[in-house]
PDB file of N, CA and C in Angstrom:
ATOM      1  N   MET A   1      -8.959 -16.053  31.534  1.00  0.00           N
ATOM      2  CA  MET A   1      -7.565 -15.780  31.295  1.00  0.00           C
ATOM      3  C   MET A   1      -7.379 -14.370  30.735  1.00  0.00           C
ATOM      4  N   SER A   2      -7.311 -13.411  31.563  1.00  0.00           N
ATOM      5  CA  SER A   2      -7.098 -12.060  31.057  1.00  0.00           C
ATOM      6  C   SER A   2      -5.685 -11.622  31.384  1.00  0.00           C
ATOM      7  N   LYS A   3      -5.014 -11.221  30.379  1.00  0.00           N
ATOM      8  CA  LYS A   3      -3.653 -10.710  30.556  1.00  0.00           C
ATOM      9  C   LYS A   3      -3.696  -9.204  30.417  1.00  0.00           C
ATOM     10  N   GLU A   4      -2.942  -8.562  31.245  1.00  0.00           N
ATOM     11  CA  GLU A   4      -2.859  -7.114  31.142  1.00  0.00           C
ATOM     12  C   GLU A   4      -1.977  -6.739  29.956  1.00  0.00           C
ATOM     13  N   ILE A   5      -2.470  -5.840  29.133  1.00  0.00           N
ATOM     14  CA  ILE A   5      -1.722  -5.391  27.961  1.00  0.00           C
ATOM     15  C   ILE A   5      -0.782  -4.274  28.387  1.00  0.00           C
ATOM     16  N   GLU A   6       0.475  -4.515  28.134  1.00  0.00           N
ATOM     17  CA  GLU A   6       1.460  -3.492  28.471  1.00  0.00           C
ATOM     18  C   GLU A   6       1.445  -2.401  27.417  1.00  0.00           C
ATOM     19  N   GLU A   7       1.506  -1.181  27.888  1.00  0.00           N
ATOM     20  CA  GLU A   7       1.496  -0.049  26.967  1.00  0.00           C
ATOM     21  C   GLU A   7       2.899   0.164  26.415  1.00  0.00           C
ATOM     22  N   ASP A   8       2.966   0.252  25.101  1.00  0.00           N
ATOM     23  CA  ASP A   8       4.246   0.466  24.426  1.00  0.00           C
ATOM     24  C   ASP A   8       4.369   1.945  24.109  1.00  0.00           C
ATOM     25  N   ASP A   9       5.222   2.643  24.825  1.00  0.00           N
ATOM     26  CA  ASP A   9       5.355   4.084  24.620  1.00  0.00           C
ATOM     27  C   ASP A   9       6.588   4.454  23.812  1.00  0.00           C
ATOM     28  N   ARG A  10       7.138   3.466  23.073  1.00  0.00           N
ATOM     29  CA  ARG A  10       8.243   3.787  22.182  1.00  0.00           C
ATOM     30  C   ARG A  10       7.715   4.553  20.974  1.00  0.00           C
ATOM     31  N   VAL A  11       8.505   5.467  20.488  1.00  0.00           N
ATOM     32  CA  VAL A  11       8.131   6.241  19.299  1.00  0.00           C
ATOM     33  C   VAL A  11       8.433   5.390  18.065  1.00  0.00           C
ATOM     34  N   PRO A  12       7.413   5.150  17.222  1.00  0.00           N
ATOM     35  CA  PRO A  12       7.685   4.356  16.020  1.00  0.00           C
ATOM     36  C   PRO A  12       8.618   5.096  15.080  1.00  0.00           C
ATOM     37  N   ARG A  13       9.535   4.353  14.476  1.00  0.00           N
ATOM     38  CA  ARG A  13      10.471   4.952  13.527  1.00  0.00           C
ATOM     39  C   ARG A  13      10.029   4.574  12.126  1.00  0.00           C
ATOM     40  N   ARG A  14       9.463   5.522  11.440  1.00  0.00           N
ATOM     41  CA  ARG A  14       9.032   5.293  10.070  1.00  0.00           C
ATOM     42  C   ARG A  14       9.606   6.396   9.200  1.00  0.00           C
ATOM     43  N   LYS A  15      10.448   5.994   8.298  1.00  0.00           N
ATOM     44  CA  LYS A  15      11.014   6.959   7.365  1.00  0.00           C
ATOM     45  C   LYS A  15      10.578   6.549   5.972  1.00  0.00           C
ATOM     46  N   LEU A  16       9.952   7.463   5.288  1.00  0.00           N
ATOM     47  CA  LEU A  16       9.401   7.182   3.969  1.00  0.00           C
ATOM     48  C   LEU A  16       9.683   8.388   3.087  1.00  0.00           C
ATOM     49  N   ASN A  17      10.468   8.191   2.042  1.00  0.00           N
ATOM     50  CA  ASN A  17      10.700   9.318   1.141  1.00  0.00           C
ATOM     51  C   ASN A  17       9.543   9.403   0.145  1.00  0.00           C
ATOM     52  N   LYS A  18       9.515  10.459  -0.625  1.00  0.00           N
ATOM     53  CA  LYS A  18       8.390  10.664  -1.538  1.00  0.00           C
ATOM     54  C   LYS A  18       8.309   9.575  -2.604  1.00  0.00           C
ATOM     55  N   GLN A  19       9.433   9.131  -3.083  1.00  0.00           N
ATOM     56  CA  GLN A  19       9.398   8.100  -4.129  1.00  0.00           C
ATOM     57  C   GLN A  19       8.842   6.782  -3.595  1.00  0.00           C
ATOM     58  N   GLU A  20       9.183   6.434  -2.384  1.00  0.00           N
ATOM     59  CA  GLU A  20       8.639   5.222  -1.768  1.00  0.00           C
ATOM     60  C   GLU A  20       7.146   5.395  -1.489  1.00  0.00           C
ATOM     61  N   ALA A  21       6.748   6.584  -1.074  1.00  0.00           N
ATOM     62  CA  ALA A  21       5.327   6.850  -0.835  1.00  0.00           C
ATOM     63  C   ALA A  21       4.523   6.713  -2.129  1.00  0.00           C
ATOM     64  N   ILE A  22       5.065   7.235  -3.223  1.00  0.00           N
ATOM     65  CA  ILE A  22       4.399   7.119  -4.525  1.00  0.00           C
ATOM     66  C   ILE A  22       4.278   5.657  -4.921  1.00  0.00           C
ATOM     67  N   ARG A  23       5.345   4.899  -4.736  1.00  0.00           N
ATOM     68  CA  ARG A  23       5.319   3.472  -5.072  1.00  0.00           C
ATOM     69  C   ARG A  23       4.232   2.746  -4.289  1.00  0.00           C
ATOM     70  N   ARG A  24       4.137   3.054  -3.013  1.00  0.00           N
ATOM     71  CA  ARG A  24       3.129   2.401  -2.173  1.00  0.00           C
ATOM     72  C   ARG A  24       1.710   2.801  -2.569  1.00  0.00           C
ATOM     73  N   LEU A  25       1.519   4.085  -2.874  1.00  0.00           N
ATOM     74  CA  LEU A  25       0.194   4.544  -3.304  1.00  0.00           C
ATOM     75  C   LEU A  25      -0.249   3.834  -4.577  1.00  0.00           C
ATOM     76  N   LEU A  26       0.660   3.758  -5.548  1.00  0.00           N
ATOM     77  CA  LEU A  26       0.313   3.109  -6.814  1.00  0.00           C
ATOM     78  C   LEU A  26       0.111   1.603  -6.638  1.00  0.00           C
ATOM     79  N   HIS A  27       0.947   0.985  -5.843  1.00  0.00           N
ATOM     80  CA  HIS A  27       0.828  -0.454  -5.602  1.00  0.00           C
ATOM     81  C   HIS A  27      -0.520  -0.774  -4.946  1.00  0.00           C
ATOM     82  N   THR A  28      -0.895   0.020  -3.960  1.00  0.00           N
ATOM     83  CA  THR A  28      -2.177  -0.186  -3.289  1.00  0.00           C
ATOM     84  C   THR A  28      -3.331   0.059  -4.253  1.00  0.00           C
ATOM     85  N   SER A  29      -3.208   1.075  -5.098  1.00  0.00           N
ATOM     86  CA  SER A  29      -4.250   1.361  -6.086  1.00  0.00           C
ATOM     87  C   SER A  29      -4.464   0.178  -7.018  1.00  0.00           C
ATOM     88  N   ILE A  30      -3.375  -0.394  -7.486  1.00  0.00           N
ATOM     89  CA  ILE A  30      -3.462  -1.538  -8.402  1.00  0.00           C
ATOM     90  C   ILE A  30      -4.129  -2.726  -7.712  1.00  0.00           C
ATOM     91  N   ARG A  31      -3.738  -2.983  -6.453  1.00  0.00           N
ATOM     92  CA  ARG A  31      -4.372  -4.084  -5.716  1.00  0.00           C
ATOM     93  C   ARG A  31      -5.867  -3.858  -5.562  1.00  0.00           C
ATOM     94  N   LEU A  32      -6.274  -2.613  -5.264  1.00  0.00           N
ATOM     95  CA  LEU A  32      -7.697  -2.306  -5.101  1.00  0.00           C
ATOM     96  C   LEU A  32      -8.464  -2.445  -6.408  1.00  0.00           C
ATOM     97  N   VAL A  33      -7.844  -2.056  -7.516  1.00  0.00           N
ATOM     98  CA  VAL A  33      -8.481  -2.223  -8.824  1.00  0.00           C
ATOM     99  C   VAL A  33      -8.704  -3.706  -9.103  1.00  0.00           C
ATOM    100  N   MET A  34      -7.691  -4.518  -8.824  1.00  0.00           N
ATOM    101  CA  MET A  34      -7.795  -5.956  -9.080  1.00  0.00           C
ATOM    102  C   MET A  34      -8.887  -6.609  -8.222  1.00  0.00           C
ATOM    103  N   LYS A  35      -9.105  -6.069  -7.033  1.00  0.00           N
ATOM    104  CA  LYS A  35     -10.139  -6.608  -6.144  1.00  0.00           C
ATOM    105  C   LYS A  35     -11.510  -5.972  -6.401  1.00  0.00           C
ATOM    106  N   MET A  36     -11.546  -5.033  -7.360  1.00  0.00           N
ATOM    107  CA  MET A  36     -12.769  -4.297  -7.693  1.00  0.00           C
ATOM    108  C   MET A  36     -13.335  -3.578  -6.457  1.00  0.00           C
ATOM    109  N   GLU A  37     -12.454  -2.892  -5.739  1.00  0.00           N
ATOM    110  CA  GLU A  37     -12.834  -2.164  -4.532  1.00  0.00           C
ATOM    111  C   GLU A  37     -13.367  -0.768  -4.873  1.00  0.00           C
ATOM    112  N   ASP A  38     -13.479   0.050  -3.888  1.00  0.00           N
ATOM    113  CA  ASP A  38     -14.075   1.385  -3.976  1.00  0.00           C
ATOM    114  C   ASP A  38     -13.341   2.281  -4.981  1.00  0.00           C
ATOM    115  N   PRO A  39     -14.024   2.656  -6.071  1.00  0.00           N
ATOM    116  CA  PRO A  39     -13.386   3.510  -7.089  1.00  0.00           C
ATOM    117  C   PRO A  39     -12.974   4.883  -6.551  1.00  0.00           C
ATOM    118  N   PHE A  40     -13.724   5.407  -5.600  1.00  0.00           N
ATOM    119  CA  PHE A  40     -13.394   6.718  -5.042  1.00  0.00           C
ATOM    120  C   PHE A  40     -12.070   6.655  -4.284  1.00  0.00           C
ATOM    121  N   ALA A  41     -11.883   5.610  -3.493  1.00  0.00           N
ATOM    122  CA  ALA A  41     -10.630   5.443  -2.755  1.00  0.00           C
ATOM    123  C   ALA A  41      -9.462   5.277  -3.723  1.00  0.00           C
ATOM    124  N   ILE A  42      -9.672   4.503  -4.779  1.00  0.00           N
ATOM    125  CA  ILE A  42      -8.625   4.308  -5.791  1.00  0.00           C
ATOM    126  C   ILE A  42      -8.268   5.640  -6.436  1.00  0.00           C
ATOM    127  N   HIS A  43      -9.282   6.424  -6.768  1.00  0.00           N
ATOM    128  CA  HIS A  43      -9.063   7.738  -7.382  1.00  0.00           C
ATOM    129  C   HIS A  43      -8.211   8.620  -6.464  1.00  0.00           C
ATOM    130  N   LEU A  44      -8.517   8.624  -5.177  1.00  0.00           N
ATOM    131  CA  LEU A  44      -7.758   9.452  -4.234  1.00  0.00           C
ATOM    132  C   LEU A  44      -6.295   9.018  -4.143  1.00  0.00           C
ATOM    133  N   LEU A  45      -6.065   7.713  -4.128  1.00  0.00           N
ATOM    134  CA  LEU A  45      -4.691   7.215  -4.063  1.00  0.00           C
ATOM    135  C   LEU A  45      -3.904   7.594  -5.310  1.00  0.00           C
ATOM    136  N   VAL A  46      -4.509   7.405  -6.467  1.00  0.00           N
ATOM    137  CA  VAL A  46      -3.826   7.727  -7.727  1.00  0.00           C
ATOM    138  C   VAL A  46      -3.597   9.232  -7.840  1.00  0.00           C
ATOM    139  N   HIS A  47      -4.585  10.007  -7.435  1.00  0.00           N
ATOM    140  CA  HIS A  47      -4.446  11.467  -7.485  1.00  0.00           C
ATOM    141  C   HIS A  47      -3.308  11.931  -6.563  1.00  0.00           C
ATOM    142  N   SER A  48      -3.213  11.331  -5.391  1.00  0.00           N
ATOM    143  CA  SER A  48      -2.132  11.681  -4.460  1.00  0.00           C
ATOM    144  C   SER A  48      -0.769  11.344  -5.045  1.00  0.00           C
ATOM    145  N   ALA A  49      -0.664  10.173  -5.656  1.00  0.00           N
ATOM    146  CA  ALA A  49       0.604   9.775  -6.279  1.00  0.00           C
ATOM    147  C   ALA A  49       0.956  10.730  -7.416  1.00  0.00           C
ATOM    148  N   ASP A  50      -0.025  11.099  -8.219  1.00  0.00           N
ATOM    149  CA  ASP A  50       0.197  12.024  -9.335  1.00  0.00           C
ATOM    150  C   ASP A  50       0.691  13.377  -8.822  1.00  0.00           C
ATOM    151  N   LYS A  51       0.077  13.879  -7.767  1.00  0.00           N
ATOM    152  CA  LYS A  51       0.476  15.175  -7.198  1.00  0.00           C
ATOM    153  C   LYS A  51       1.912  15.113  -6.683  1.00  0.00           C
ATOM    154  N   MET A  52       2.262  14.007  -6.046  1.00  0.00           N
ATOM    155  CA  MET A  52       3.628  13.875  -5.536  1.00  0.00           C
ATOM    156  C   MET A  52       4.640  13.780  -6.666  1.00  0.00           C
ATOM    157  N   LEU A  53       4.286  13.090  -7.746  1.00  0.00           N
ATOM    158  CA  LEU A  53       5.173  13.024  -8.918  1.00  0.00           C
ATOM    159  C   LEU A  53       5.405  14.416  -9.503  1.00  0.00           C
ATOM    160  N   ILE A  54       4.348  15.196  -9.596  1.00  0.00           N
ATOM    161  CA  ILE A  54       4.452  16.564 -10.112  1.00  0.00           C
ATOM    162  C   ILE A  54       5.371  17.387  -9.218  1.00  0.00           C
ATOM    163  N   ASP A  55       5.203  17.252  -7.894  1.00  0.00           N
ATOM    164  CA  ASP A  55       6.049  17.993  -6.946  1.00  0.00           C
ATOM    165  C   ASP A  55       7.523  17.626  -7.096  1.00  0.00           C
ATOM    166  N   ILE A  56       7.805  16.334  -7.222  1.00  0.00           N
ATOM    167  CA  ILE A  56       9.194  15.881  -7.388  1.00  0.00           C
ATOM    168  C   ILE A  56       9.771  16.400  -8.705  1.00  0.00           C
ATOM    169  N   ALA A  57       8.999  16.326  -9.766  1.00  0.00           N
ATOM    170  CA  ALA A  57       9.473  16.794 -11.075  1.00  0.00           C
ATOM    171  C   ALA A  57       9.798  18.290 -11.035  1.00  0.00           C
ATOM    172  N   LYS A  58       8.931  19.074 -10.400  1.00  0.00           N
ATOM    173  CA  LYS A  58       9.186  20.519 -10.294  1.00  0.00           C
ATOM    174  C   LYS A  58      10.452  20.790  -9.489  1.00  0.00           C
ATOM    175  N   LYS A  59      10.619  20.068  -8.392  1.00  0.00           N
ATOM    176  CA  LYS A  59      11.789  20.282  -7.536  1.00  0.00           C
ATOM    177  C   LYS A  59      13.081  19.928  -8.265  1.00  0.00           C
ATOM    178  N   GLN A  60      13.022  18.908  -9.122  1.00  0.00           N
ATOM    179  CA  GLN A  60      14.214  18.467  -9.851  1.00  0.00           C
ATOM    180  C   GLN A  60      14.325  19.113 -11.230  1.00  0.00           C
ATOM    181  N   ASN A  61      13.452  20.055 -11.530  1.00  0.00           N
ATOM    182  CA  ASN A  61      13.419  20.740 -12.820  1.00  0.00           C
ATOM    183  C   ASN A  61      13.348  19.756 -13.991  1.00  0.00           C
ATOM    184  N   LYS A  62      12.470  18.770 -13.867  1.00  0.00           N
ATOM    185  CA  LYS A  62      12.282  17.781 -14.919  1.00  0.00           C
ATOM    186  C   LYS A  62      10.887  17.926 -15.508  1.00  0.00           C
ATOM    187  N   LEU A  63      10.776  17.535 -16.755  1.00  0.00           N
ATOM    188  CA  LEU A  63       9.488  17.609 -17.444  1.00  0.00           C
ATOM    189  C   LEU A  63       8.861  16.223 -17.467  1.00  0.00           C
ATOM    190  N   LEU A  64       7.608  16.146 -17.024  1.00  0.00           N
ATOM    191  CA  LEU A  64       6.890  14.869 -17.087  1.00  0.00           C
ATOM    192  C   LEU A  64       6.360  14.667 -18.506  1.00  0.00           C
ATOM    193  N   ARG A  65       6.405  13.456 -18.984  1.00  0.00           N
ATOM    194  CA  ARG A  65       5.961  13.176 -20.349  1.00  0.00           C
ATOM    195  C   ARG A  65       4.451  13.184 -20.496  1.00  0.00           C
ATOM    196  N   MET A  66       3.743  12.906 -19.419  1.00  0.00           N
ATOM    197  CA  MET A  66       2.288  12.854 -19.486  1.00  0.00           C
ATOM    198  C   MET A  66       1.673  13.849 -18.528  1.00  0.00           C
ATOM    199  N   ASP A  67       0.570  14.422 -18.928  1.00  0.00           N
ATOM    200  CA  ASP A  67      -0.197  15.309 -18.059  1.00  0.00           C
ATOM    201  C   ASP A  67      -1.618  14.761 -18.034  1.00  0.00           C
ATOM    202  N   TRP A  68      -1.974  14.125 -16.951  1.00  0.00           N
ATOM    203  CA  TRP A  68      -3.285  13.494 -16.851  1.00  0.00           C
ATOM    204  C   TRP A  68      -4.367  14.535 -16.877  1.00  0.00           C
TER     205      TRP A  68
END
């Protein structure tokens, strides 16, 4: 029973603002910590979220309370 797979050539519509991206990065990091997964991958996710927070703060002329 082999069915031919139809190719889907629609362009995916994904809109993600920086704040949503940061939320997802941190959420995934927390899940990985709870599962005791790869510390290097967790570090990269958290570092990316931190960099994006810094970028948003600079753009909005806001001061972050913590500097990791």
